[in-house]
């Protein structure tokens, strides 16, 4: 596998950057954010491993940009939820920008991890960890055995430990 050669990357950028910015501007309603996301898209293209030539450049670029839009949207939603949770606290909490960024990055990582677990594993994990269900109650709720609940929790906890180690 190899990355795109510089001339191919330059040609891709020259031919499709303006189109991509316009495509993103329509979705974002903001030229500055569209330019930033277009640049991020080309950075992804530049660092990606390509085994075959890109046959449909606009489809390829829009798929990457769409993924980045989703990531940005998820991050913004997590950040808003965090800020709302802080605002609901009775005492004033002063958090430095560095600590806030660290917390938001960890929340995004946790959200991504939970999303990658699979629906059943995620639901069982959240029911046990957040709702406090015991294994028997979780098994009854999801129509599975206690052993299956334990297996799902082991899978989820293993992923959580891998996240902590990185």
C-alpha atoms as a PDB file:
ATOM      1  CA  UNK A   1       0.000   0.000   0.000  1.00  0.00           C
ATOM      2  CA  UNK A   2       1.201   3.515  -0.713  1.00  0.00           C
ATOM      3  CA  UNK A   3       0.119   7.107  -0.393  1.00  0.00           C
ATOM      4  CA  UNK A   4      -0.722   9.241  -3.401  1.00  0.00           C
ATOM      5  CA  UNK A   5       2.279  10.673  -5.207  1.00  0.00           C
ATOM      6  CA  UNK A   6       2.625  14.468  -4.867  1.00  0.00           C
ATOM      7  CA  UNK A   7       1.633  15.245  -8.461  1.00  0.00           C
ATOM      8  CA  UNK A   8      -1.569  13.178  -8.193  1.00  0.00           C
ATOM      9  CA  UNK A   9      -2.413  14.820  -4.874  1.00  0.00           C
ATOM     10  CA  UNK A  10      -1.743  18.275  -6.350  1.00  0.00           C
ATOM     11  CA  UNK A  11      -3.987  17.513  -9.316  1.00  0.00           C
ATOM     12  CA  UNK A  12      -6.757  16.197  -7.046  1.00  0.00           C
ATOM     13  CA  UNK A  13      -6.515  19.326  -4.895  1.00  0.00           C
ATOM     14  CA  UNK A  14      -6.405  21.712  -7.860  1.00  0.00           C
ATOM     15  CA  UNK A  15      -9.380  20.127  -9.613  1.00  0.00           C
ATOM     16  CA  UNK A  16     -11.664  19.524  -6.652  1.00  0.00           C
ATOM     17  CA  UNK A  17     -10.831  21.869  -3.760  1.00  0.00           C
ATOM     18  CA  UNK A  18     -13.173  24.649  -4.924  1.00  0.00           C
ATOM     19  CA  UNK A  19     -15.977  22.175  -5.524  1.00  0.00           C
ATOM     20  CA  UNK A  20     -15.452  20.594  -2.085  1.00  0.00           C
ATOM     21  CA  UNK A  21     -15.486  23.987  -0.340  1.00  0.00           C
ATOM     22  CA  UNK A  22     -18.775  24.821  -2.062  1.00  0.00           C
ATOM     23  CA  UNK A  23     -20.245  21.443  -1.174  1.00  0.00           C
ATOM     24  CA  UNK A  24     -19.260  21.941   2.458  1.00  0.00           C
ATOM     25  CA  UNK A  25     -20.389  25.593   2.548  1.00  0.00           C
ATOM     26  CA  UNK A  26     -23.911  24.468   1.610  1.00  0.00           C
ATOM     27  CA  UNK A  27     -23.913  21.978   4.486  1.00  0.00           C
ATOM     28  CA  UNK A  28     -22.217  24.207   7.060  1.00  0.00           C
ATOM     29  CA  UNK A  29     -23.541  27.614   6.068  1.00  0.00           C
ATOM     30  CA  UNK A  30     -20.120  29.077   6.772  1.00  0.00           C
ATOM     31  CA  UNK A  31     -17.239  29.620   4.327  1.00  0.00           C
ATOM     32  CA  UNK A  32     -14.521  29.580   7.017  1.00  0.00           C
ATOM     33  CA  UNK A  33     -15.654  26.244   8.477  1.00  0.00           C
ATOM     34  CA  UNK A  34     -16.024  24.868   4.945  1.00  0.00           C
ATOM     35  CA  UNK A  35     -12.420  25.840   4.131  1.00  0.00           C
ATOM     36  CA  UNK A  36     -11.149  24.268   7.360  1.00  0.00           C
ATOM     37  CA  UNK A  37     -13.034  21.034   6.736  1.00  0.00           C
ATOM     38  CA  UNK A  38     -11.892  20.913   3.100  1.00  0.00           C
ATOM     39  CA  UNK A  39      -8.298  21.180   4.304  1.00  0.00           C
ATOM     40  CA  UNK A  40      -8.911  18.426   6.862  1.00  0.00           C
ATOM     41  CA  UNK A  41     -10.346  16.282   4.071  1.00  0.00           C
ATOM     42  CA  UNK A  42      -7.240  16.670   1.946  1.00  0.00           C
ATOM     43  CA  UNK A  43      -5.029  15.938   4.955  1.00  0.00           C
ATOM     44  CA  UNK A  44      -6.929  12.653   5.335  1.00  0.00           C
ATOM     45  CA  UNK A  45      -6.435  11.920   1.631  1.00  0.00           C
ATOM     46  CA  UNK A  46      -2.749  12.730   1.938  1.00  0.00           C
ATOM     47  CA  UNK A  47      -2.229  10.387   4.902  1.00  0.00           C
ATOM     48  CA  UNK A  48      -4.481   7.565   3.677  1.00  0.00           C
ATOM     49  CA  UNK A  49      -3.099   4.403   2.146  1.00  0.00           C
ATOM     50  CA  UNK A  50      -4.231   3.934  -1.444  1.00  0.00           C
ATOM     51  CA  UNK A  51      -4.023   0.573  -3.183  1.00  0.00           C
ATOM     52  CA  UNK A  52      -5.840   1.651  -6.339  1.00  0.00           C
ATOM     53  CA  UNK A  53      -6.308   4.941  -8.161  1.00  0.00           C
ATOM     54  CA  UNK A  54      -9.211   7.132  -7.056  1.00  0.00           C
ATOM     55  CA  UNK A  55     -11.854   6.599  -9.743  1.00  0.00           C
ATOM     56  CA  UNK A  56     -14.570   8.925  -8.430  1.00  0.00           C
ATOM     57  CA  UNK A  57     -12.727  11.795  -6.748  1.00  0.00           C
ATOM     58  CA  UNK A  58     -15.813  13.790  -5.765  1.00  0.00           C
ATOM     59  CA  UNK A  59     -17.517  10.766  -4.285  1.00  0.00           C
ATOM     60  CA  UNK A  60     -14.337   9.863  -2.416  1.00  0.00           C
ATOM     61  CA  UNK A  61     -13.804  13.413  -1.135  1.00  0.00           C
ATOM     62  CA  UNK A  62     -17.442  13.858  -0.136  1.00  0.00           C
ATOM     63  CA  UNK A  63     -17.389  10.548   1.778  1.00  0.00           C
ATOM     64  CA  UNK A  64     -14.340  11.678   3.759  1.00  0.00           C
ATOM     65  CA  UNK A  65     -15.825  15.144   4.316  1.00  0.00           C
ATOM     66  CA  UNK A  66     -19.151  13.617   5.418  1.00  0.00           C
ATOM     67  CA  UNK A  67     -17.285  11.505   7.974  1.00  0.00           C
ATOM     68  CA  UNK A  68     -15.475  14.596   9.242  1.00  0.00           C
ATOM     69  CA  UNK A  69     -18.803  16.457   9.448  1.00  0.00           C
ATOM     70  CA  UNK A  70     -20.245  13.656  11.559  1.00  0.00           C
ATOM     71  CA  UNK A  71     -17.181  13.701  13.826  1.00  0.00           C
ATOM     72  CA  UNK A  72     -17.462  17.473  14.190  1.00  0.00           C
ATOM     73  CA  UNK A  73     -21.176  17.254  14.942  1.00  0.00           C
ATOM     74  CA  UNK A  74     -20.672  14.532  17.542  1.00  0.00           C
ATOM     75  CA  UNK A  75     -17.850  16.467  19.172  1.00  0.00           C
ATOM     76  CA  UNK A  76     -19.974  19.637  19.295  1.00  0.00           C
ATOM     77  CA  UNK A  77     -22.884  17.713  20.854  1.00  0.00           C
ATOM     78  CA  UNK A  78     -20.605  16.179  23.494  1.00  0.00           C
ATOM     79  CA  UNK A  79     -19.063  19.561  24.244  1.00  0.00           C
ATOM     80  CA  UNK A  80     -22.517  21.140  24.614  1.00  0.00           C
ATOM     81  CA  UNK A  81     -23.677  18.347  26.921  1.00  0.00           C
ATOM     82  CA  UNK A  82     -20.551  18.777  29.045  1.00  0.00           C
ATOM     83  CA  UNK A  83     -21.031  22.554  29.274  1.00  0.00           C
ATOM     84  CA  UNK A  84     -24.702  22.096  30.197  1.00  0.00           C
ATOM     85  CA  UNK A  85     -23.739  19.606  32.906  1.00  0.00           C
ATOM     86  CA  UNK A  86     -21.245  22.132  34.283  1.00  0.00           C
ATOM     87  CA  UNK A  87     -23.879  24.868  34.249  1.00  0.00           C
ATOM     88  CA  UNK A  88     -26.270  22.684  36.271  1.00  0.00           C
ATOM     89  CA  UNK A  89     -23.756  22.188  39.072  1.00  0.00           C
ATOM     90  CA  UNK A  90     -24.737  24.135  42.176  1.00  0.00           C
ATOM     91  CA  UNK A  91     -21.270  25.488  42.915  1.00  0.00           C
ATOM     92  CA  UNK A  92     -19.213  27.432  40.480  1.00  0.00           C
ATOM     93  CA  UNK A  93     -16.580  25.256  38.872  1.00  0.00           C
ATOM     94  CA  UNK A  94     -13.642  26.913  37.185  1.00  0.00           C
ATOM     95  CA  UNK A  95     -12.013  24.599  34.668  1.00  0.00           C
ATOM     96  CA  UNK A  96      -8.953  25.626  32.699  1.00  0.00           C
ATOM     97  CA  UNK A  97      -9.174  25.452  28.895  1.00  0.00           C
ATOM     98  CA  UNK A  98      -6.561  22.671  28.901  1.00  0.00           C
ATOM     99  CA  UNK A  99      -8.547  20.548  31.370  1.00  0.00           C
ATOM    100  CA  UNK A 100     -11.779  21.262  29.471  1.00  0.00           C
ATOM    101  CA  UNK A 101     -10.163  20.131  26.198  1.00  0.00           C
ATOM    102  CA  UNK A 102      -8.829  16.997  27.867  1.00  0.00           C
ATOM    103  CA  UNK A 103     -12.257  16.147  29.294  1.00  0.00           C
ATOM    104  CA  UNK A 104     -13.989  16.728  25.966  1.00  0.00           C
ATOM    105  CA  UNK A 105     -11.412  14.614  24.116  1.00  0.00           C
ATOM    106  CA  UNK A 106     -11.931  11.781  26.617  1.00  0.00           C
ATOM    107  CA  UNK A 107     -15.724  12.046  26.265  1.00  0.00           C
ATOM    108  CA  UNK A 108     -15.400  11.900  22.468  1.00  0.00           C
ATOM    109  CA  UNK A 109     -13.174   8.824  22.823  1.00  0.00           C
ATOM    110  CA  UNK A 110     -15.698   7.164  25.135  1.00  0.00           C
ATOM    111  CA  UNK A 111     -18.543   8.007  22.761  1.00  0.00           C
ATOM    112  CA  UNK A 112     -16.608   6.509  19.851  1.00  0.00           C
ATOM    113  CA  UNK A 113     -15.760   3.430  21.893  1.00  0.00           C
ATOM    114  CA  UNK A 114     -19.401   2.911  22.867  1.00  0.00           C
ATOM    115  CA  UNK A 115     -20.464   3.360  19.262  1.00  0.00           C
ATOM    116  CA  UNK A 116     -18.000   0.671  18.163  1.00  0.00           C
ATOM    117  CA  UNK A 117     -19.156  -1.899  20.738  1.00  0.00           C
ATOM    118  CA  UNK A 118     -22.228  -3.005  18.848  1.00  0.00           C
ATOM    119  CA  UNK A 119     -25.789  -2.320  19.848  1.00  0.00           C
ATOM    120  CA  UNK A 120     -26.396  -5.205  22.259  1.00  0.00           C
ATOM    121  CA  UNK A 121     -23.041  -4.879  24.051  1.00  0.00           C
ATOM    122  CA  UNK A 122     -23.454  -1.099  24.377  1.00  0.00           C
ATOM    123  CA  UNK A 123     -27.004  -1.390  25.731  1.00  0.00           C
ATOM    124  CA  UNK A 124     -26.052  -4.037  28.284  1.00  0.00           C
ATOM    125  CA  UNK A 125     -22.944  -2.117  29.346  1.00  0.00           C
ATOM    126  CA  UNK A 126     -24.884   1.139  29.821  1.00  0.00           C
ATOM    127  CA  UNK A 127     -27.729  -0.608  31.658  1.00  0.00           C
ATOM    128  CA  UNK A 128     -25.315  -2.170  34.147  1.00  0.00           C
ATOM    129  CA  UNK A 129     -22.923   0.776  34.501  1.00  0.00           C
ATOM    130  CA  UNK A 130     -25.302   3.733  34.377  1.00  0.00           C
ATOM    131  CA  UNK A 131     -28.617   2.309  35.536  1.00  0.00           C
ATOM    132  CA  UNK A 132     -27.106  -0.006  38.116  1.00  0.00           C
ATOM    133  CA  UNK A 133     -28.846  -3.144  36.876  1.00  0.00           C
ATOM    134  CA  UNK A 134     -27.397  -6.355  38.213  1.00  0.00           C
ATOM    135  CA  UNK A 135     -26.537  -9.146  35.790  1.00  0.00           C
ATOM    136  CA  UNK A 136     -29.793 -11.020  36.372  1.00  0.00           C
ATOM    137  CA  UNK A 137     -31.927  -7.915  35.759  1.00  0.00           C
ATOM    138  CA  UNK A 138     -29.917  -7.038  32.647  1.00  0.00           C
ATOM    139  CA  UNK A 139     -30.333 -10.588  31.363  1.00  0.00           C
ATOM    140  CA  UNK A 140     -34.093 -10.396  31.899  1.00  0.00           C
ATOM    141  CA  UNK A 141     -34.358  -7.008  30.216  1.00  0.00           C
ATOM    142  CA  UNK A 142     -32.445  -8.121  27.129  1.00  0.00           C
ATOM    143  CA  UNK A 143     -33.676 -11.703  27.037  1.00  0.00           C
ATOM    144  CA  UNK A 144     -30.234 -13.263  27.470  1.00  0.00           C
ATOM    145  CA  UNK A 145     -28.519 -15.419  30.060  1.00  0.00           C
ATOM    146  CA  UNK A 146     -26.368 -14.059  32.881  1.00  0.00           C
ATOM    147  CA  UNK A 147     -23.360 -15.636  31.140  1.00  0.00           C
ATOM    148  CA  UNK A 148     -24.155 -13.660  27.981  1.00  0.00           C
ATOM    149  CA  UNK A 149     -24.446 -10.465  30.039  1.00  0.00           C
ATOM    150  CA  UNK A 150     -21.033 -11.190  31.571  1.00  0.00           C
ATOM    151  CA  UNK A 151     -19.523 -11.851  28.131  1.00  0.00           C
ATOM    152  CA  UNK A 152     -20.847  -8.530  26.806  1.00  0.00           C
ATOM    153  CA  UNK A 153     -19.504  -6.713  29.854  1.00  0.00           C
ATOM    154  CA  UNK A 154     -16.083  -8.332  29.512  1.00  0.00           C
ATOM    155  CA  UNK A 155     -15.978  -7.194  25.870  1.00  0.00           C
ATOM    156  CA  UNK A 156     -16.993  -3.647  26.815  1.00  0.00           C
ATOM    157  CA  UNK A 157     -14.614  -3.412  29.775  1.00  0.00           C
ATOM    158  CA  UNK A 158     -11.735  -4.734  27.670  1.00  0.00           C
ATOM    159  CA  UNK A 159     -12.357  -1.957  25.147  1.00  0.00           C
ATOM    160  CA  UNK A 160     -12.501   0.590  27.985  1.00  0.00           C
ATOM    161  CA  UNK A 161      -9.172  -0.629  29.341  1.00  0.00           C
ATOM    162  CA  UNK A 162      -7.614  -0.394  25.886  1.00  0.00           C
ATOM    163  CA  UNK A 163      -8.838   3.224  25.702  1.00  0.00           C
ATOM    164  CA  UNK A 164      -7.271   4.022  29.084  1.00  0.00           C
ATOM    165  CA  UNK A 165      -3.948   2.493  28.038  1.00  0.00           C
ATOM    166  CA  UNK A 166      -3.659   4.655  24.921  1.00  0.00           C
END
